[in-house]
């Protein structure tokens, strides 16, 4: 028989043990929980370099085009997503309200080869936000330096 460690990382409060409150208050791992982790809501990201542009993809399912804000400020690309949803159901003898809120912000320092004067093409389809950033003319077709791994 094999034992599987119980994972309480997704709980707001850890399991109580024999020492109760004393151990709870001294347990530093409680604040390393995913609940308090800002990176827990970061979308996965792919960056591809082509001869003429950079293509950046963010996995953000459940959002709509209106939920995103994409800006370039001082050669930094900022991608923000915010989704709010509220539902209310009223019946004869009860009212049920539910809400959810999801947001993220990613900032990327752009290389000097990106032409920030050109418009960035942004599309959202099937849960993927795709950005295309054009390269400067002098950077197009430059040979890449290949480094041998020893």
N, C-alpha and C. Protein backbone atom coordinates (compact mmCIF):
# COMPACT_ATOMS: atom_id res chain seq x y z
N UNK A 1 0.85 -1.17 0.00
CA UNK A 1 0.00 0.00 0.00
C UNK A 1 0.90 1.24 0.00
N UNK A 2 0.58 2.21 -0.86
CA UNK A 2 1.37 3.44 -0.89
C UNK A 2 0.56 4.56 -0.25
N UNK A 3 1.27 5.47 0.35
CA UNK A 3 0.64 6.61 1.00
C UNK A 3 0.73 7.83 0.09
N UNK A 4 -0.31 8.59 0.05
CA UNK A 4 -0.34 9.82 -0.73
C UNK A 4 -0.47 10.97 0.23
N UNK A 5 0.43 11.93 0.12
CA UNK A 5 0.42 13.08 1.01
C UNK A 5 -0.83 13.92 0.74
N UNK A 6 -1.50 14.31 1.80
CA UNK A 6 -2.67 15.16 1.70
C UNK A 6 -2.23 16.57 1.34
N UNK A 7 -2.85 17.16 0.33
CA UNK A 7 -2.49 18.50 -0.13
C UNK A 7 -3.56 19.46 0.33
N UNK A 8 -3.21 20.33 1.27
CA UNK A 8 -4.19 21.31 1.74
C UNK A 8 -3.89 22.70 1.20
N UNK A 9 -3.14 22.80 0.11
CA UNK A 9 -2.74 24.10 -0.44
C UNK A 9 -3.94 24.90 -0.94
N UNK A 10 -5.00 24.25 -1.31
CA UNK A 10 -6.15 24.97 -1.85
C UNK A 10 -7.18 25.31 -0.79
N UNK A 11 -6.85 25.14 0.46
CA UNK A 11 -7.77 25.46 1.55
C UNK A 11 -7.38 26.79 2.17
N UNK A 12 -8.36 27.50 2.65
CA UNK A 12 -8.09 28.78 3.30
C UNK A 12 -7.40 28.59 4.63
N UNK A 13 -7.78 27.56 5.39
CA UNK A 13 -7.17 27.29 6.68
C UNK A 13 -6.59 25.88 6.67
N UNK A 14 -5.38 25.71 7.18
CA UNK A 14 -4.79 24.36 7.21
C UNK A 14 -5.52 23.47 8.21
N UNK A 15 -5.28 22.19 8.08
CA UNK A 15 -5.90 21.24 9.01
C UNK A 15 -5.35 21.46 10.42
N UNK A 16 -6.23 21.32 11.41
CA UNK A 16 -5.80 21.44 12.80
C UNK A 16 -5.12 20.15 13.22
N UNK A 17 -4.11 20.24 14.08
CA UNK A 17 -3.49 19.05 14.62
C UNK A 17 -3.59 19.09 16.14
N UNK A 18 -2.86 18.21 16.82
CA UNK A 18 -2.97 18.10 18.27
C UNK A 18 -2.64 19.38 19.01
N UNK A 19 -1.77 20.19 18.45
CA UNK A 19 -1.36 21.40 19.16
C UNK A 19 -2.24 22.58 18.80
N UNK A 20 -3.19 22.39 17.92
CA UNK A 20 -4.22 23.37 17.63
C UNK A 20 -3.74 24.76 17.25
N UNK A 21 -4.24 25.74 17.97
CA UNK A 21 -4.02 27.13 17.64
C UNK A 21 -2.55 27.52 17.69
N UNK A 22 -1.79 26.93 18.61
CA UNK A 22 -0.37 27.27 18.72
C UNK A 22 0.36 26.97 17.41
N UNK A 23 0.13 25.80 16.84
CA UNK A 23 0.78 25.47 15.57
C UNK A 23 0.22 26.28 14.42
N UNK A 24 -1.06 26.56 14.45
CA UNK A 24 -1.66 27.37 13.39
C UNK A 24 -1.01 28.73 13.30
N UNK A 25 -0.84 29.39 14.43
CA UNK A 25 -0.26 30.73 14.43
C UNK A 25 1.22 30.73 14.12
N UNK A 26 1.92 29.64 14.36
CA UNK A 26 3.35 29.60 14.10
C UNK A 26 3.68 28.98 12.75
N UNK A 27 2.68 28.59 11.99
CA UNK A 27 2.89 27.93 10.71
C UNK A 27 3.12 28.97 9.61
N UNK A 28 4.37 29.21 9.27
CA UNK A 28 4.69 30.20 8.23
C UNK A 28 4.22 29.76 6.86
N UNK A 29 4.08 28.46 6.63
CA UNK A 29 3.67 27.97 5.33
C UNK A 29 2.25 28.39 4.98
N UNK A 30 1.46 28.76 5.98
CA UNK A 30 0.09 29.18 5.71
C UNK A 30 0.06 30.35 4.72
N UNK A 31 0.99 31.28 4.86
CA UNK A 31 0.98 32.45 4.01
C UNK A 31 1.67 32.21 2.67
N UNK A 32 2.21 31.01 2.45
CA UNK A 32 2.74 30.64 1.15
C UNK A 32 1.69 29.90 0.33
N UNK A 33 0.49 29.86 0.81
CA UNK A 33 -0.62 29.18 0.18
C UNK A 33 -0.94 29.83 -1.17
N UNK A 34 -1.45 29.05 -2.13
CA UNK A 34 -1.84 29.59 -3.44
C UNK A 34 -2.87 30.70 -3.32
N UNK A 35 -3.69 30.67 -2.25
CA UNK A 35 -4.72 31.67 -2.07
C UNK A 35 -4.13 33.08 -2.05
N UNK A 36 -2.92 33.22 -1.52
CA UNK A 36 -2.29 34.53 -1.41
C UNK A 36 -1.27 34.77 -2.51
N UNK A 37 -1.14 33.88 -3.44
CA UNK A 37 -0.11 33.96 -4.47
C UNK A 37 -0.63 34.75 -5.66
N UNK A 38 0.00 35.88 -5.96
CA UNK A 38 -0.43 36.72 -7.08
C UNK A 38 -0.22 36.04 -8.41
N UNK A 39 0.81 35.18 -8.52
CA UNK A 39 1.10 34.54 -9.78
C UNK A 39 0.12 33.43 -10.11
N UNK A 40 -0.76 33.08 -9.19
CA UNK A 40 -1.71 32.01 -9.42
C UNK A 40 -2.68 32.30 -10.54
N UNK A 41 -2.93 33.55 -10.85
CA UNK A 41 -3.87 33.91 -11.90
C UNK A 41 -3.18 34.40 -13.16
N UNK A 42 -1.88 34.22 -13.27
CA UNK A 42 -1.15 34.66 -14.46
C UNK A 42 -1.42 33.69 -15.60
N UNK A 43 -1.80 34.24 -16.76
CA UNK A 43 -2.02 33.35 -17.90
C UNK A 43 -0.68 32.85 -18.46
N UNK A 44 -0.71 31.67 -19.02
CA UNK A 44 0.47 31.14 -19.70
C UNK A 44 0.77 32.02 -20.90
N UNK A 45 2.05 32.13 -21.24
CA UNK A 45 2.45 33.04 -22.31
C UNK A 45 3.47 32.35 -23.21
N UNK A 46 3.34 32.55 -24.52
CA UNK A 46 4.32 32.10 -25.51
C UNK A 46 4.83 33.33 -26.25
N UNK A 47 6.14 33.36 -26.51
CA UNK A 47 6.74 34.44 -27.30
C UNK A 47 7.49 33.78 -28.44
N UNK A 48 7.15 34.20 -29.66
CA UNK A 48 7.80 33.66 -30.86
C UNK A 48 8.41 34.82 -31.63
N UNK A 49 9.65 34.64 -32.07
CA UNK A 49 10.30 35.65 -32.90
C UNK A 49 10.33 35.17 -34.33
N UNK A 50 9.82 36.01 -35.23
CA UNK A 50 9.85 35.74 -36.66
C UNK A 50 10.78 36.75 -37.31
N UNK A 51 11.01 36.62 -38.61
CA UNK A 51 11.90 37.56 -39.30
C UNK A 51 11.42 39.00 -39.22
N UNK A 52 10.09 39.21 -39.29
CA UNK A 52 9.55 40.58 -39.36
C UNK A 52 8.83 41.05 -38.10
N UNK A 53 8.56 40.14 -37.17
CA UNK A 53 7.79 40.54 -36.00
C UNK A 53 8.01 39.59 -34.83
N UNK A 54 7.43 39.98 -33.70
CA UNK A 54 7.33 39.12 -32.52
C UNK A 54 5.87 38.78 -32.35
N UNK A 55 5.58 37.54 -32.03
CA UNK A 55 4.21 37.10 -31.77
C UNK A 55 4.14 36.66 -30.31
N UNK A 56 3.23 37.26 -29.56
CA UNK A 56 3.07 36.95 -28.15
C UNK A 56 1.64 36.45 -27.95
N UNK A 57 1.51 35.29 -27.31
CA UNK A 57 0.20 34.70 -27.06
C UNK A 57 -0.01 34.55 -25.55
N UNK A 58 -1.23 34.87 -25.11
CA UNK A 58 -1.63 34.70 -23.72
C UNK A 58 -2.83 33.76 -23.68
N UNK A 59 -2.79 32.76 -22.83
CA UNK A 59 -3.93 31.85 -22.65
C UNK A 59 -4.85 32.48 -21.61
N UNK A 60 -5.98 33.00 -22.05
CA UNK A 60 -6.92 33.68 -21.15
C UNK A 60 -8.34 33.26 -21.48
N UNK A 61 -8.70 31.99 -21.24
CA UNK A 61 -10.06 31.54 -21.56
C UNK A 61 -11.09 32.18 -20.64
N UNK A 62 -12.27 32.38 -21.19
CA UNK A 62 -13.36 32.93 -20.39
C UNK A 62 -13.46 34.44 -20.45
N UNK A 63 -12.47 35.09 -21.02
CA UNK A 63 -12.51 36.55 -21.16
C UNK A 63 -13.16 36.90 -22.49
N UNK A 64 -13.47 38.18 -22.68
CA UNK A 64 -13.95 38.68 -23.96
C UNK A 64 -12.98 39.76 -24.44
N UNK A 65 -13.12 40.20 -25.67
CA UNK A 65 -12.25 41.24 -26.23
C UNK A 65 -12.28 42.51 -25.39
N UNK A 66 -13.44 42.82 -24.84
CA UNK A 66 -13.60 44.06 -24.05
C UNK A 66 -12.92 43.98 -22.69
N UNK A 67 -12.53 42.78 -22.25
CA UNK A 67 -11.93 42.60 -20.93
C UNK A 67 -10.43 42.93 -20.90
N UNK A 68 -9.82 43.20 -22.06
CA UNK A 68 -8.38 43.42 -22.14
C UNK A 68 -8.03 44.89 -22.33
N UNK A 69 -6.88 45.26 -21.77
CA UNK A 69 -6.28 46.56 -22.04
C UNK A 69 -4.81 46.30 -22.36
N UNK A 70 -4.38 46.70 -23.55
CA UNK A 70 -3.01 46.49 -23.99
C UNK A 70 -2.40 47.86 -24.27
N UNK A 71 -1.27 48.16 -23.61
CA UNK A 71 -0.61 49.45 -23.79
C UNK A 71 0.89 49.25 -23.91
N UNK A 72 1.54 50.21 -24.57
CA UNK A 72 3.01 50.28 -24.59
C UNK A 72 3.37 51.63 -24.02
N UNK A 73 4.17 51.59 -22.95
CA UNK A 73 4.58 52.83 -22.29
C UNK A 73 6.07 52.74 -21.97
N UNK A 74 6.84 53.63 -22.55
CA UNK A 74 8.28 53.69 -22.29
C UNK A 74 8.95 52.34 -22.59
N UNK A 75 8.60 51.75 -23.75
CA UNK A 75 9.16 50.49 -24.23
C UNK A 75 8.81 49.29 -23.34
N UNK A 76 7.71 49.40 -22.59
CA UNK A 76 7.20 48.29 -21.78
C UNK A 76 5.79 47.95 -22.27
N UNK A 77 5.60 46.69 -22.61
CA UNK A 77 4.28 46.21 -23.02
C UNK A 77 3.52 45.80 -21.79
N UNK A 78 2.33 46.37 -21.59
CA UNK A 78 1.46 46.03 -20.45
C UNK A 78 0.20 45.38 -20.99
N UNK A 79 -0.10 44.19 -20.50
CA UNK A 79 -1.31 43.47 -20.89
C UNK A 79 -2.11 43.22 -19.61
N UNK A 80 -3.31 43.78 -19.57
CA UNK A 80 -4.18 43.63 -18.40
C UNK A 80 -5.49 42.98 -18.85
N UNK A 81 -6.01 42.13 -18.00
CA UNK A 81 -7.31 41.52 -18.24
C UNK A 81 -8.12 41.58 -16.96
N UNK A 82 -9.39 41.94 -17.11
CA UNK A 82 -10.26 42.03 -15.93
C UNK A 82 -11.65 41.57 -16.33
N UNK A 83 -12.17 40.62 -15.56
CA UNK A 83 -13.49 40.08 -15.84
C UNK A 83 -14.31 40.08 -14.57
N UNK A 84 -15.46 40.70 -14.61
CA UNK A 84 -16.39 40.71 -13.48
C UNK A 84 -17.70 40.09 -13.95
N UNK A 85 -18.25 39.30 -13.06
CA UNK A 85 -19.53 38.67 -13.40
C UNK A 85 -20.39 38.60 -12.15
N UNK A 86 -21.64 39.02 -12.30
CA UNK A 86 -22.60 38.94 -11.20
C UNK A 86 -23.87 38.28 -11.71
N UNK A 87 -24.40 37.40 -10.89
CA UNK A 87 -25.67 36.74 -11.22
C UNK A 87 -26.60 36.89 -10.03
N UNK A 88 -27.85 37.18 -10.33
CA UNK A 88 -28.85 37.28 -9.27
C UNK A 88 -30.10 36.54 -9.70
N UNK A 89 -30.58 35.69 -8.83
CA UNK A 89 -31.78 34.92 -9.10
C UNK A 89 -32.77 35.17 -7.97
N UNK A 90 -33.95 35.67 -8.32
CA UNK A 90 -34.98 35.94 -7.31
C UNK A 90 -36.15 35.01 -7.55
N UNK A 91 -36.52 34.33 -6.49
CA UNK A 91 -37.70 33.47 -6.52
C UNK A 91 -38.67 33.98 -5.45
N UNK A 92 -39.74 33.29 -5.27
CA UNK A 92 -40.77 33.73 -4.33
C UNK A 92 -40.24 33.89 -2.91
N UNK A 93 -39.46 32.91 -2.45
CA UNK A 93 -39.06 32.94 -1.05
C UNK A 93 -37.55 33.04 -0.83
N UNK A 94 -36.78 33.30 -1.88
CA UNK A 94 -35.33 33.48 -1.68
C UNK A 94 -34.72 34.31 -2.80
N UNK A 95 -33.55 34.83 -2.51
CA UNK A 95 -32.73 35.53 -3.50
C UNK A 95 -31.34 34.93 -3.44
N UNK A 96 -30.79 34.59 -4.58
CA UNK A 96 -29.44 34.04 -4.64
C UNK A 96 -28.57 34.96 -5.50
N UNK A 97 -27.44 35.38 -4.92
CA UNK A 97 -26.50 36.23 -5.64
C UNK A 97 -25.15 35.52 -5.70
N UNK A 98 -24.53 35.58 -6.85
CA UNK A 98 -23.19 35.04 -7.02
C UNK A 98 -22.37 36.07 -7.78
N UNK A 99 -21.09 36.11 -7.48
CA UNK A 99 -20.21 37.00 -8.24
C UNK A 99 -18.85 36.35 -8.38
N UNK A 100 -18.14 36.77 -9.41
CA UNK A 100 -16.76 36.32 -9.58
C UNK A 100 -15.96 37.48 -10.16
N UNK A 101 -14.67 37.47 -9.87
CA UNK A 101 -13.78 38.52 -10.32
C UNK A 101 -12.43 37.91 -10.64
N UNK A 102 -11.96 38.10 -11.85
CA UNK A 102 -10.65 37.61 -12.26
C UNK A 102 -9.89 38.75 -12.92
N UNK A 103 -8.62 38.89 -12.59
CA UNK A 103 -7.81 39.90 -13.25
C UNK A 103 -6.36 39.45 -13.28
N UNK A 104 -5.61 40.02 -14.22
CA UNK A 104 -4.18 39.77 -14.30
C UNK A 104 -3.53 40.98 -14.96
N UNK A 105 -2.23 41.10 -14.75
CA UNK A 105 -1.44 42.13 -15.41
C UNK A 105 -0.06 41.56 -15.65
N UNK A 106 0.39 41.64 -16.89
CA UNK A 106 1.75 41.20 -17.25
C UNK A 106 2.44 42.36 -17.93
N UNK A 107 3.67 42.61 -17.56
CA UNK A 107 4.47 43.67 -18.15
C UNK A 107 5.75 43.06 -18.69
N UNK A 108 6.08 43.42 -19.93
CA UNK A 108 7.27 42.88 -20.58
C UNK A 108 8.12 44.02 -21.12
N UNK A 109 9.41 44.00 -20.80
CA UNK A 109 10.34 44.95 -21.42
C UNK A 109 10.56 44.52 -22.85
N UNK A 110 10.31 45.43 -23.79
CA UNK A 110 10.44 45.10 -25.20
C UNK A 110 11.89 45.28 -25.64
N UNK A 111 12.37 44.42 -26.54
CA UNK A 111 13.71 44.62 -27.08
C UNK A 111 13.77 45.88 -27.94
N UNK A 112 14.96 46.39 -28.12
CA UNK A 112 15.13 47.62 -28.90
C UNK A 112 14.78 47.43 -30.37
N UNK A 113 14.65 46.19 -30.80
CA UNK A 113 14.34 45.90 -32.20
C UNK A 113 12.85 46.07 -32.52
N UNK A 114 11.99 46.21 -31.50
CA UNK A 114 10.55 46.37 -31.73
C UNK A 114 10.25 47.80 -32.15
N UNK A 115 9.44 47.94 -33.18
CA UNK A 115 9.04 49.25 -33.67
C UNK A 115 7.79 49.69 -32.90
N UNK A 116 7.98 50.47 -31.85
CA UNK A 116 6.86 50.89 -31.02
C UNK A 116 6.03 51.99 -31.68
N UNK A 117 6.52 52.55 -32.80
CA UNK A 117 5.75 53.57 -33.53
C UNK A 117 4.65 52.94 -34.37
N UNK A 118 4.81 51.67 -34.72
CA UNK A 118 3.80 50.97 -35.52
C UNK A 118 2.70 50.45 -34.60
N UNK A 119 1.52 50.30 -35.16
CA UNK A 119 0.41 49.74 -34.39
C UNK A 119 0.65 48.27 -34.09
N UNK A 120 0.23 47.85 -32.91
CA UNK A 120 0.30 46.46 -32.51
C UNK A 120 -1.01 45.81 -32.93
N UNK A 121 -0.90 44.66 -33.58
CA UNK A 121 -2.10 43.93 -33.98
C UNK A 121 -2.47 43.00 -32.83
N UNK A 122 -3.70 43.12 -32.32
CA UNK A 122 -4.17 42.30 -31.21
C UNK A 122 -5.46 41.59 -31.63
N UNK A 123 -5.48 40.27 -31.44
CA UNK A 123 -6.68 39.48 -31.74
C UNK A 123 -6.95 38.55 -30.57
N UNK A 124 -8.23 38.23 -30.37
CA UNK A 124 -8.63 37.29 -29.32
C UNK A 124 -9.57 36.28 -29.94
N UNK A 125 -9.16 35.01 -29.87
CA UNK A 125 -9.97 33.95 -30.47
C UNK A 125 -9.72 32.65 -29.70
N UNK A 126 -10.80 31.95 -29.36
CA UNK A 126 -10.72 30.64 -28.69
C UNK A 126 -9.89 30.69 -27.41
N UNK A 127 -10.02 31.76 -26.63
CA UNK A 127 -9.33 31.85 -25.36
C UNK A 127 -7.87 32.27 -25.43
N UNK A 128 -7.39 32.65 -26.62
CA UNK A 128 -5.99 33.05 -26.81
C UNK A 128 -5.95 34.51 -27.29
N UNK A 129 -5.26 35.35 -26.51
CA UNK A 129 -4.99 36.73 -26.91
C UNK A 129 -3.65 36.72 -27.63
N UNK A 130 -3.65 37.14 -28.91
CA UNK A 130 -2.44 37.13 -29.72
C UNK A 130 -2.07 38.55 -30.10
N UNK A 131 -0.80 38.91 -29.84
CA UNK A 131 -0.27 40.23 -30.19
C UNK A 131 0.85 40.05 -31.20
N UNK A 132 0.87 40.90 -32.22
CA UNK A 132 1.97 40.93 -33.19
C UNK A 132 2.61 42.30 -33.14
N UNK A 133 3.91 42.32 -32.80
CA UNK A 133 4.67 43.56 -32.72
C UNK A 133 5.72 43.55 -33.83
N UNK A 134 5.66 44.53 -34.71
CA UNK A 134 6.57 44.60 -35.85
C UNK A 134 7.97 45.00 -35.40
N UNK A 135 8.97 44.48 -36.13
CA UNK A 135 10.36 44.86 -35.88
C UNK A 135 10.71 46.11 -36.68
N UNK A 136 11.73 46.80 -36.23
CA UNK A 136 12.27 47.93 -36.99
C UNK A 136 12.90 47.39 -38.27
N UNK A 137 12.91 48.24 -39.31
CA UNK A 137 13.44 47.80 -40.60
C UNK A 137 14.88 47.31 -40.50
N UNK A 138 15.71 48.02 -39.74
CA UNK A 138 17.12 47.62 -39.64
C UNK A 138 17.31 46.31 -38.88
N UNK A 139 16.30 45.89 -38.13
CA UNK A 139 16.41 44.65 -37.36
C UNK A 139 15.89 43.44 -38.14
N UNK A 140 15.15 43.68 -39.20
CA UNK A 140 14.58 42.56 -39.97
C UNK A 140 15.69 41.81 -40.69
N UNK A 141 15.64 40.52 -40.57
CA UNK A 141 16.59 39.68 -41.29
C UNK A 141 17.99 39.65 -40.71
N UNK A 142 18.21 40.21 -39.54
CA UNK A 142 19.53 40.13 -38.92
C UNK A 142 19.82 38.69 -38.54
N UNK A 143 21.05 38.29 -38.76
CA UNK A 143 21.44 36.93 -38.42
C UNK A 143 21.50 36.79 -36.90
N UNK A 144 20.97 35.69 -36.42
CA UNK A 144 21.01 35.43 -34.98
C UNK A 144 22.36 34.84 -34.62
N UNK A 145 22.84 35.19 -33.46
CA UNK A 145 24.09 34.62 -32.95
C UNK A 145 23.75 33.29 -32.31
N UNK A 146 24.39 32.24 -32.76
CA UNK A 146 24.17 30.91 -32.23
C UNK A 146 25.26 30.62 -31.21
N UNK A 147 24.85 30.20 -30.03
CA UNK A 147 25.79 29.91 -28.95
C UNK A 147 25.78 28.40 -28.72
N UNK A 148 26.96 27.82 -28.77
CA UNK A 148 27.07 26.38 -28.58
C UNK A 148 27.02 26.05 -27.09
N UNK A 149 26.21 25.08 -26.73
CA UNK A 149 26.11 24.63 -25.35
C UNK A 149 27.09 23.48 -25.17
N UNK A 150 27.95 23.61 -24.19
CA UNK A 150 28.97 22.58 -23.94
C UNK A 150 28.54 21.62 -22.88
